Protein backbone atom coordinates (compact mmCIF):
# COMPACT_ATOMS: atom_id res chain seq x y z
CA SER A 1 27.78 42.05 -122.79
CA ALA A 2 26.97 38.39 -122.40
CA THR A 3 26.78 38.67 -118.64
CA SER A 4 24.25 41.48 -118.68
CA LEU A 5 22.18 39.71 -121.29
CA SER A 6 21.91 36.58 -119.15
CA GLU A 7 20.82 38.65 -116.18
CA PHE A 8 18.01 40.19 -118.23
CA GLN A 9 16.92 36.73 -119.35
CA ASN A 10 16.48 35.53 -115.69
CA ILE A 11 14.29 38.49 -114.67
CA PRO A 12 10.93 36.89 -115.73
CA CYS A 13 11.68 33.76 -113.70
CA PHE A 14 12.50 35.87 -110.64
CA LEU A 15 9.27 37.83 -110.96
CA THR A 16 7.26 34.60 -111.27
CA VAL A 17 8.76 33.21 -108.08
CA CYS A 18 8.06 36.45 -106.19
CA SER A 19 4.43 36.49 -107.27
CA CYS A 20 3.97 32.88 -106.14
CA LEU A 21 5.46 33.67 -102.74
CA LEU A 22 3.20 36.69 -102.31
CA ARG A 23 0.08 34.64 -103.13
CA PHE A 24 1.18 31.87 -100.77
CA THR A 25 1.88 34.15 -97.79
CA SER A 26 -1.24 36.27 -98.30
CA HIS A 27 -3.50 33.34 -97.34
CA PRO A 28 -4.67 33.72 -93.69
CA LYS A 29 -4.12 30.07 -92.94
CA ARG A 30 -0.58 29.90 -94.39
CA SER A 31 2.58 31.43 -93.11
CA LEU A 32 6.25 30.96 -93.94
CA LEU A 33 7.04 31.05 -90.23
CA SER A 34 4.73 28.09 -89.49
CA PRO A 35 6.39 24.65 -89.65
CA SER A 36 3.14 22.99 -90.79
CA THR A 37 2.68 25.12 -93.89
CA CYS A 38 1.92 22.22 -96.17
CA GLU A 39 -0.41 20.42 -93.70
CA PHE A 40 -3.36 22.76 -94.11
CA LYS A 41 -6.70 20.96 -94.44
CA MET A 42 -9.95 22.45 -95.63
CA ALA A 43 -12.85 22.36 -93.13
CA ASN A 44 -16.08 20.55 -93.88
CA PRO A 45 -18.75 23.01 -95.08
CA ARG A 46 -21.27 21.46 -92.71
CA GLN A 47 -18.94 22.08 -89.78
CA ARG A 48 -18.58 25.73 -90.84
CA ARG A 49 -22.35 26.14 -91.00
CA LYS A 50 -22.66 24.49 -87.59
CA ALA A 51 -20.12 26.89 -86.08
CA LYS A 52 -21.95 29.91 -87.52
CA SER A 53 -25.40 28.67 -86.51
CA SER A 54 -26.98 30.14 -83.39
CA THR A 55 -29.39 27.24 -82.86
CA HIS A 56 -26.82 24.44 -82.77
CA LYS A 57 -26.56 22.56 -79.47
CA ALA A 58 -24.04 20.00 -78.35
CA VAL A 59 -25.06 16.36 -78.40
CA SER A 60 -26.60 15.37 -75.06
CA HIS A 61 -27.10 11.84 -73.78
CA SER A 62 -30.55 10.54 -73.07
CA ARG A 63 -31.81 9.90 -69.56
CA ARG A 64 -31.19 6.18 -69.89
CA ALA A 65 -27.62 6.75 -71.09
CA LYS A 66 -26.93 9.06 -68.16
CA LYS A 67 -28.43 6.52 -65.78
CA ILE A 68 -26.22 3.75 -67.17
CA LEU A 69 -23.10 5.90 -66.95
CA ARG A 70 -23.84 6.84 -63.35
CA LYS A 71 -22.10 4.54 -60.89
CA MET A 72 -24.63 2.45 -59.02
CA PRO A 73 -24.26 1.32 -55.39
CA ALA A 74 -23.28 -2.22 -54.49
CA ILE A 75 -26.81 -3.05 -53.30
CA GLN A 76 -30.23 -1.58 -54.00
CA ALA A 77 -31.34 -1.03 -50.43
CA PRO A 78 -32.02 1.78 -47.95
CA LYS A 79 -29.22 4.25 -47.29
CA VAL A 80 -28.57 2.75 -43.85
CA LEU A 81 -27.85 -0.67 -45.34
CA GLN A 82 -25.78 0.77 -48.19
CA ASP A 83 -23.44 2.56 -45.76
CA ALA A 84 -22.89 -0.61 -43.71
CA TRP A 85 -22.35 -2.86 -46.76
CA ASP A 86 -18.87 -4.29 -47.36
CA LYS A 87 -18.07 -4.77 -51.05
CA SER A 88 -15.27 -7.24 -50.32
CA LYS A 89 -17.70 -9.74 -48.72
CA THR A 90 -20.36 -11.94 -50.24
CA VAL A 91 -24.06 -11.37 -49.71
CA ARG A 92 -24.27 -14.14 -47.11
CA GLN A 93 -21.23 -12.82 -45.22
CA ASN A 94 -22.60 -9.27 -45.22
CA TYR A 95 -25.97 -10.39 -43.88
CA THR A 96 -24.28 -12.46 -41.19
CA ALA A 97 -22.05 -9.57 -40.14
CA LEU A 98 -25.03 -7.21 -39.98
CA GLY A 99 -27.10 -9.63 -37.88
CA LEU A 100 -29.68 -10.24 -40.61
CA GLN A 101 -31.15 -13.44 -42.04
CA LEU A 102 -30.33 -14.04 -45.69
CA SER A 103 -33.44 -16.11 -46.38
CA LEU A 104 -36.54 -17.08 -44.43
CA VAL A 105 -36.51 -20.58 -45.94
CA PRO A 106 -35.45 -23.07 -43.23
CA THR A 107 -33.61 -25.35 -45.69
CA GLU A 108 -31.23 -23.18 -47.67
CA SER A 109 -30.12 -24.34 -51.10
CA GLY A 110 -26.48 -25.32 -51.32
CA GLY A 111 -26.15 -26.13 -47.62
CA SER A 112 -24.06 -24.19 -45.15
CA GLU A 113 -20.36 -24.00 -44.42
CA ARG A 114 -18.96 -26.39 -41.85
CA THR A 115 -15.57 -26.22 -40.20
CA SER A 116 -13.83 -29.59 -40.21
CA ILE A 117 -11.82 -30.68 -37.16
CA HIS A 118 -8.08 -31.29 -37.35
CA PRO A 119 -6.56 -34.12 -35.21
CA ASN A 120 -5.13 -31.53 -32.82
CA GLY A 121 -8.60 -30.13 -32.24
CA SER A 122 -8.25 -26.95 -34.34
CA ALA A 123 -10.49 -26.03 -37.26
CA GLY A 124 -9.34 -26.67 -40.78
CA GLY A 125 -8.35 -29.64 -42.82
CA GLY A 126 -10.44 -32.56 -44.00
CA PRO A 127 -10.81 -36.20 -42.94
CA VAL A 128 -7.81 -37.47 -41.01
CA SER A 129 -5.68 -40.21 -42.56
CA GLY A 130 -3.56 -42.47 -40.47
CA THR A 131 -2.47 -46.07 -39.95
CA ALA A 132 -3.86 -48.64 -37.59
CA LYS A 133 -0.85 -48.14 -35.31
CA SER A 134 -1.91 -44.57 -34.54
CA VAL A 135 -5.34 -45.57 -33.21
CA GLU A 136 -4.20 -45.74 -29.61
CA ALA A 137 -2.29 -42.45 -29.88
CA ASP A 138 -5.32 -40.69 -31.35
CA SER A 139 -7.68 -42.12 -28.74
CA SER A 140 -5.76 -40.27 -26.04
CA THR A 141 -6.63 -36.94 -27.67
CA SER A 142 -10.35 -37.66 -27.94
CA SER A 143 -10.97 -35.24 -25.10
CA SER A 144 -9.89 -32.36 -27.36
CA ILE A 145 -12.74 -33.06 -29.80
CA PRO A 146 -15.57 -30.54 -29.34
CA ASN A 147 -18.97 -31.78 -28.35
CA GLY A 148 -21.05 -32.74 -31.36
CA PHE A 149 -18.06 -33.63 -33.58
CA GLY A 150 -16.06 -36.77 -34.21
CA ARG A 151 -12.80 -37.96 -35.75
CA ILE A 152 -12.65 -40.53 -38.55
CA ILE A 153 -9.51 -42.67 -38.49
CA ARG A 154 -8.49 -44.28 -41.77
CA ASP A 155 -5.74 -46.63 -42.84
CA ALA A 156 -3.19 -46.10 -45.61
CA SER A 157 -5.64 -47.25 -48.30
CA GLY A 158 -8.37 -44.91 -47.09
CA ASN A 159 -10.60 -47.47 -45.37
CA VAL A 160 -12.35 -46.35 -42.20
CA MET A 161 -10.74 -47.97 -39.17
CA SER A 162 -12.64 -46.33 -36.35
CA ILE A 163 -14.53 -43.24 -35.28
CA ASP A 164 -13.51 -41.27 -32.21
CA LEU A 165 -16.30 -39.51 -30.34
CA PRO A 166 -15.98 -37.12 -27.42
CA GLN A 167 -18.01 -39.50 -25.23
CA SER A 168 -16.41 -42.33 -23.30
CA GLU A 169 -17.90 -44.93 -25.67
CA GLU A 170 -15.47 -45.06 -28.59
CA ILE A 171 -15.84 -47.14 -31.69
CA GLN A 172 -12.77 -49.25 -32.39
CA GLN A 173 -14.08 -51.72 -34.96
CA HIS A 174 -12.93 -52.35 -38.51
CA GLY A 175 -15.17 -51.26 -41.33
CA VAL A 176 -17.87 -48.63 -41.45
CA GLN A 177 -20.49 -48.78 -38.73
CA HIS A 178 -23.69 -46.78 -38.69
CA THR A 179 -23.75 -44.23 -35.89
CA GLN A 180 -27.08 -42.85 -34.78
CA LEU A 181 -27.17 -39.08 -34.69
CA PRO A 182 -28.59 -37.43 -31.60
CA GLU A 183 -32.01 -35.90 -31.84
CA PRO A 184 -31.80 -32.12 -32.29
CA ASP A 185 -33.35 -29.82 -29.75
CA VAL A 186 -36.46 -28.47 -31.44
CA ASP A 187 -38.51 -25.62 -30.12
CA GLU A 188 -42.18 -26.57 -30.33
CA ARG A 189 -43.25 -22.98 -30.81
CA ALA A 190 -40.76 -22.50 -33.66
CA MET A 191 -41.90 -25.72 -35.31
CA LYS A 192 -45.50 -24.59 -35.09
CA ASP A 193 -44.69 -21.25 -36.71
CA TRP A 194 -42.50 -22.74 -39.44
CA VAL A 195 -44.43 -25.91 -40.26
CA GLY A 196 -47.95 -25.20 -39.06
CA GLY A 197 -48.45 -21.98 -40.97
CA LEU A 198 -45.88 -19.58 -42.29
CA ASN A 199 -48.42 -16.89 -43.05
CA LYS A 200 -50.06 -16.92 -39.60
CA ILE A 201 -48.10 -14.33 -37.64
CA HIS A 202 -49.31 -13.42 -34.20
CA GLN A 203 -49.47 -9.64 -34.07
CA ASN A 204 -49.67 -9.59 -30.29
CA ASP A 205 -46.37 -11.47 -29.98
CA LEU A 206 -44.70 -9.14 -32.43
CA ASP A 207 -45.97 -6.08 -30.57
CA SER A 208 -44.75 -7.44 -27.25
CA GLN A 209 -41.32 -8.24 -28.67
CA LYS A 210 -41.08 -4.79 -30.19
CA LEU A 211 -42.02 -3.15 -26.90
CA LEU A 212 -39.40 -5.22 -25.06
CA SER A 213 -36.70 -4.32 -27.57
CA GLN A 214 -37.61 -0.62 -27.43
CA SER A 215 -37.52 -0.62 -23.64
CA ALA A 216 -34.13 -2.35 -23.64
CA ARG A 217 -32.74 0.20 -26.08
CA SER A 218 -34.14 3.13 -24.11
CA THR A 219 -32.67 1.89 -20.82
CA ASN A 220 -29.21 1.15 -22.24
CA PRO A 221 -28.77 2.84 -25.63
CA VAL A 222 -24.96 2.88 -25.46
CA ALA A 223 -24.59 -0.89 -25.22
CA VAL A 224 -26.33 -1.51 -28.54
CA PRO A 225 -23.80 -3.03 -31.01
CA THR A 226 -23.52 -2.07 -34.65
CA ALA A 227 -25.65 -4.95 -35.95
CA SER A 228 -28.41 -4.20 -33.43
CA ALA A 229 -28.25 -0.50 -34.25
CA LEU A 230 -28.64 -1.32 -37.93
CA SER A 231 -31.57 -3.63 -37.20
CA TYR A 232 -33.18 -0.91 -35.10
CA ALA A 233 -32.72 1.63 -37.92
CA LEU A 234 -34.27 -0.76 -40.45
CA GLU A 235 -37.20 -1.49 -38.11
CA LYS A 236 -37.77 2.23 -37.64
CA LEU A 237 -37.65 2.76 -41.40
CA SER A 238 -40.13 -0.03 -42.08
CA ALA A 239 -42.48 1.23 -39.34
CA SER A 240 -42.52 4.72 -40.81
CA GLY A 241 -43.63 3.49 -44.24
CA ARG A 242 -47.15 2.68 -45.28
CA ALA A 243 -48.55 0.00 -47.54
CA LEU A 244 -49.52 1.08 -51.03
CA PRO A 245 -53.25 0.77 -51.71
CA ARG A 246 -53.97 -1.84 -54.37
CA HIS A 247 -56.42 -0.79 -57.04
CA SER A 248 -57.80 -2.21 -60.25
CA SER A 249 -57.50 -0.59 -63.63
CA CYS A 250 -60.52 0.50 -65.65
CA GLY A 251 -59.99 -2.30 -68.15
CA GLU A 252 -59.87 -4.94 -65.42
CA ARG A 253 -63.03 -3.58 -63.79
CA SER A 254 -64.95 -3.69 -67.06
CA TYR A 255 -63.54 -7.19 -67.70
CA LEU A 256 -64.86 -8.42 -64.34
CA ALA A 257 -68.14 -6.52 -64.67
CA ARG A 258 -69.03 -8.40 -67.87
CA LEU A 259 -68.40 -11.73 -66.18
CA ILE A 260 -70.41 -10.80 -63.07
CA GLN A 261 -73.28 -9.48 -65.17
CA LYS A 262 -73.57 -12.85 -66.93
CA TYR A 263 -72.72 -15.36 -64.17
CA GLY A 264 -73.19 -13.52 -60.87
CA ASP A 265 -71.08 -15.23 -58.20
CA ASP A 266 -70.53 -18.47 -60.18
CA TYR A 267 -66.73 -18.34 -60.50
CA ASP A 268 -66.50 -21.82 -62.02
CA SER A 269 -68.61 -20.78 -65.00
CA MET A 270 -66.58 -17.58 -65.32
CA ALA A 271 -63.35 -19.55 -65.54
CA ARG A 272 -64.78 -21.89 -68.22
CA ASP A 273 -66.13 -19.10 -70.44
CA ARG A 274 -63.58 -18.73 -73.24
CA ARG A 275 -65.42 -15.85 -74.91
CA LEU A 276 -65.59 -13.41 -71.99
CA ASN A 277 -62.67 -14.79 -69.98
CA THR A 278 -60.16 -14.20 -72.76
CA GLU A 279 -57.19 -14.12 -70.36
CA GLN A 280 -58.17 -17.59 -69.04
CA LYS A 281 -58.10 -16.53 -65.42
CA THR A 282 -58.60 -19.31 -62.91
CA VAL A 283 -61.19 -19.37 -60.14
CA GLY A 284 -58.69 -18.17 -57.57
CA GLU A 285 -57.43 -15.35 -59.79
CA LEU A 286 -60.98 -14.18 -60.45
CA LYS A 287 -61.83 -14.18 -56.73
CA ARG A 288 -58.72 -12.18 -55.87
CA ALA A 289 -59.37 -9.73 -58.70
CA VAL A 290 -62.96 -9.18 -57.55
CA GLY A 291 -61.84 -8.67 -53.96
CA ARG A 292 -59.17 -6.20 -55.06
CA ALA A 293 -61.75 -4.29 -57.10
CA GLY A 294 -64.03 -3.85 -54.07
CA GLY A 295 -66.35 -6.85 -54.23
CA MET A 296 -69.40 -7.86 -56.20
CA GLU A 297 -71.39 -4.81 -55.12
CA SER A 298 -68.98 -2.30 -56.64
CA LEU A 299 -68.81 -4.17 -59.96
CA SER A 300 -72.46 -5.09 -60.44
């Protein structure tokens, strides 16, 4: 019949579809149950060889890369100072809180912070502005001004009317008048150490001060505050260390030996010789280099 004939005609198409399905499902990476059947991606041959290789190692960072990735402390200092360091403060504030001196230079660059005086005597605020009518009212509060400070009274336009001082002599004149500052109390010994010679440190004085501080700590160790305890720990750490011996390299010794062999102890001629003194060392540099190398005897 016609119906049976049409069924026989569709048999080859059915067999073709079945063979395609069998080939598709026989692949180990494909499955009809997997939702991502059509998203299969071939692996790179180099990656396959790498996975099969027994000598392959994972990529490792160099020492410098590991050092950069490692989190560094807030300050490069001894462990005692790192533990007491406050990251929320500036360097100057941390040194002040720890009882240390930020710089040994007497005149610091940038100046120092000063607290201005408010008319009521409290810290804060800037120069006081007021009218000429308030001069008498402000003069009654001059006793609240701390010693060593003053109050500038201005008019509405900003001109200086008068200056209130804590002393009984008050300036009540119009215009700006020069006020002589009091002479500061200067310690003669401190001036001698700072101005006379910064490099001349008396070892006997330092030893006596260290003995006094050690005796005070031994008699009353509980009363030592945090800043003093930190200073004591830093002093102990510095006392336990030793200075590194300075030495000259072989090239520097041969460099100096050629100059000494030609000129002896004539450092001026050594400094002017452009053939042997190729680094153009000065007289002072040559003397220091010879002393660091052990003297003329060791180089001649």
